[in-house]
Amino acid sequence: MATHGMKKKRPPTAHQLKIFLLSACGFADKEIAEQLNKAQRTVENTLKAVCVKLDARNTKHAIHIAWQQGIFKREEEKDEE
């Protein structure tokens, strides 16, 4: 993906990644909001921010990009560290 002269975007924050990972695991925005004691709108806005940071069209595309970039690691890889 070309940046076309744009500044490099910051990577997602730990908080954003936590919400993003829950979404990637199949939790609905409402479920994530309840689990983290946040407003559903906050969860939705956080997922949109992650999509922007990853230059993704939507959350599914962002999940694909995250796997490609190694943002998500498999449990076996985490155990080896």
C-alpha atoms as a PDB file:
ATOM      1  CA  MET A   1       0.000   0.000   0.000  1.00  0.00           C
ATOM      2  CA  ALA A   2       1.469   3.312  -1.046  1.00  0.00           C
ATOM      3  CA  THR A   3       1.392   6.270   1.292  1.00  0.00           C
ATOM      4  CA  HIS A   4       1.448   8.840  -1.539  1.00  0.00           C
ATOM      5  CA  GLY A   5       3.515  11.328   0.445  1.00  0.00           C
ATOM      6  CA  MET A   6       1.430  11.022   3.596  1.00  0.00           C
ATOM      7  CA  LYS A   7       3.052  10.890   6.997  1.00  0.00           C
ATOM      8  CA  LYS A   8       3.576   7.418   8.401  1.00  0.00           C
ATOM      9  CA  LYS A   9       0.700   6.510  10.694  1.00  0.00           C
ATOM     10  CA  ARG A  10       1.264   5.515  14.286  1.00  0.00           C
ATOM     11  CA  PRO A  11       0.653   1.870  15.122  1.00  0.00           C
ATOM     12  CA  PRO A  12      -2.465   0.972  17.104  1.00  0.00           C
ATOM     13  CA  THR A  13      -2.169   1.512  20.851  1.00  0.00           C
ATOM     14  CA  ALA A  14      -2.338  -1.347  23.360  1.00  0.00           C
ATOM     15  CA  HIS A  15      -5.902  -0.302  24.229  1.00  0.00           C
ATOM     16  CA  GLN A  16      -6.913  -0.274  20.564  1.00  0.00           C
ATOM     17  CA  LEU A  17      -5.322  -3.667  20.008  1.00  0.00           C
ATOM     18  CA  LYS A  18      -7.166  -5.144  22.989  1.00  0.00           C
ATOM     19  CA  ILE A  19     -10.522  -4.102  21.511  1.00  0.00           C
ATOM     20  CA  PHE A  20      -9.408  -5.119  18.025  1.00  0.00           C
ATOM     21  CA  LEU A  21      -8.332  -8.578  19.213  1.00  0.00           C
ATOM     22  CA  LEU A  22     -11.684  -9.151  20.912  1.00  0.00           C
ATOM     23  CA  SER A  23     -13.400  -8.188  17.672  1.00  0.00           C
ATOM     24  CA  ALA A  24     -11.117 -10.508  15.707  1.00  0.00           C
ATOM     25  CA  CYS A  25     -12.091 -13.318  18.094  1.00  0.00           C
ATOM     26  CA  GLY A  26     -15.702 -12.852  17.093  1.00  0.00           C
ATOM     27  CA  PHE A  27     -17.112 -10.734  19.906  1.00  0.00           C
ATOM     28  CA  ALA A  28     -19.772  -8.217  18.895  1.00  0.00           C
ATOM     29  CA  ASP A  29     -19.164  -4.535  19.613  1.00  0.00           C
ATOM     30  CA  LYS A  30     -21.848  -4.610  22.307  1.00  0.00           C
ATOM     31  CA  GLU A  31     -20.213  -7.614  23.999  1.00  0.00           C
ATOM     32  CA  ILE A  32     -16.802  -5.938  23.944  1.00  0.00           C
ATOM     33  CA  ALA A  33     -18.286  -2.769  25.411  1.00  0.00           C
ATOM     34  CA  GLU A  34     -19.920  -4.697  28.239  1.00  0.00           C
ATOM     35  CA  GLN A  35     -16.761  -6.725  28.935  1.00  0.00           C
ATOM     36  CA  LEU A  36     -14.558  -3.613  29.102  1.00  0.00           C
ATOM     37  CA  ASN A  37     -17.165  -1.357  30.729  1.00  0.00           C
ATOM     38  CA  LYS A  38     -17.095   1.051  27.785  1.00  0.00           C
ATOM     39  CA  ALA A  39     -19.802   2.565  25.630  1.00  0.00           C
ATOM     40  CA  GLN A  40     -20.574   0.640  22.457  1.00  0.00           C
ATOM     41  CA  ARG A  41     -19.862   3.814  20.476  1.00  0.00           C
ATOM     42  CA  THR A  42     -16.363   3.925  22.010  1.00  0.00           C
ATOM     43  CA  VAL A  43     -15.708   0.387  20.794  1.00  0.00           C
ATOM     44  CA  GLU A  44     -17.007   1.251  17.317  1.00  0.00           C
ATOM     45  CA  ASN A  45     -14.849   4.387  17.143  1.00  0.00           C
ATOM     46  CA  THR A  46     -11.805   2.469  18.357  1.00  0.00           C
ATOM     47  CA  LEU A  47     -12.244  -0.147  15.639  1.00  0.00           C
ATOM     48  CA  LYS A  48     -12.591   2.597  13.035  1.00  0.00           C
ATOM     49  CA  ALA A  49      -9.358   4.178  14.308  1.00  0.00           C
ATOM     50  CA  VAL A  50      -7.540   0.850  13.977  1.00  0.00           C
ATOM     51  CA  CYS A  51      -8.827   0.520  10.408  1.00  0.00           C
ATOM     52  CA  VAL A  52      -7.476   3.977   9.580  1.00  0.00           C
ATOM     53  CA  LYS A  53      -4.095   3.179  11.136  1.00  0.00           C
ATOM     54  CA  LEU A  54      -3.847  -0.055   9.153  1.00  0.00           C
ATOM     55  CA  ASP A  55      -5.208   1.480   5.917  1.00  0.00           C
ATOM     56  CA  ALA A  56      -8.027  -1.071   5.980  1.00  0.00           C
ATOM     57  CA  ARG A  57     -11.422  -0.786   4.324  1.00  0.00           C
ATOM     58  CA  ASN A  58     -13.200  -2.421   7.257  1.00  0.00           C
ATOM     59  CA  THR A  59     -12.570  -4.525  10.361  1.00  0.00           C
ATOM     60  CA  LYS A  60     -12.316  -7.788   8.417  1.00  0.00           C
ATOM     61  CA  HIS A  61      -9.707  -6.242   6.143  1.00  0.00           C
ATOM     62  CA  ALA A  62      -7.868  -4.884   9.200  1.00  0.00           C
ATOM     63  CA  ILE A  63      -7.755  -8.388  10.698  1.00  0.00           C
ATOM     64  CA  HIS A  64      -6.235  -9.691   7.466  1.00  0.00           C
ATOM     65  CA  ILE A  65      -3.620  -6.925   7.474  1.00  0.00           C
ATOM     66  CA  ALA A  66      -2.843  -7.536  11.152  1.00  0.00           C
ATOM     67  CA  TRP A  67      -2.116 -11.207  10.459  1.00  0.00           C
ATOM     68  CA  GLN A  68       0.079 -10.301   7.482  1.00  0.00           C
ATOM     69  CA  GLN A  69       2.044  -7.769   9.516  1.00  0.00           C
ATOM     70  CA  GLY A  70       2.462 -10.092  12.488  1.00  0.00           C
ATOM     71  CA  ILE A  71       0.437  -7.886  14.823  1.00  0.00           C
ATOM     72  CA  PHE A  72      -1.327 -11.027  16.031  1.00  0.00           C
ATOM     73  CA  LYS A  73       0.906 -13.870  17.074  1.00  0.00           C
ATOM     74  CA  ARG A  74      -0.166 -17.457  17.421  1.00  0.00           C
ATOM     75  CA  GLU A  75      -0.222 -18.857  20.943  1.00  0.00           C
ATOM     76  CA  GLU A  76       2.667 -21.220  20.113  1.00  0.00           C
ATOM     77  CA  GLU A  77       4.838 -18.256  19.107  1.00  0.00           C
ATOM     78  CA  LYS A  78       4.010 -16.403  22.335  1.00  0.00           C
ATOM     79  CA  ASP A  79       5.022 -19.451  24.394  1.00  0.00           C
ATOM     80  CA  GLU A  80       8.428 -19.542  22.673  1.00  0.00           C
ATOM     81  CA  GLU A  81       9.296 -15.946  23.642  1.00  0.00           C
END
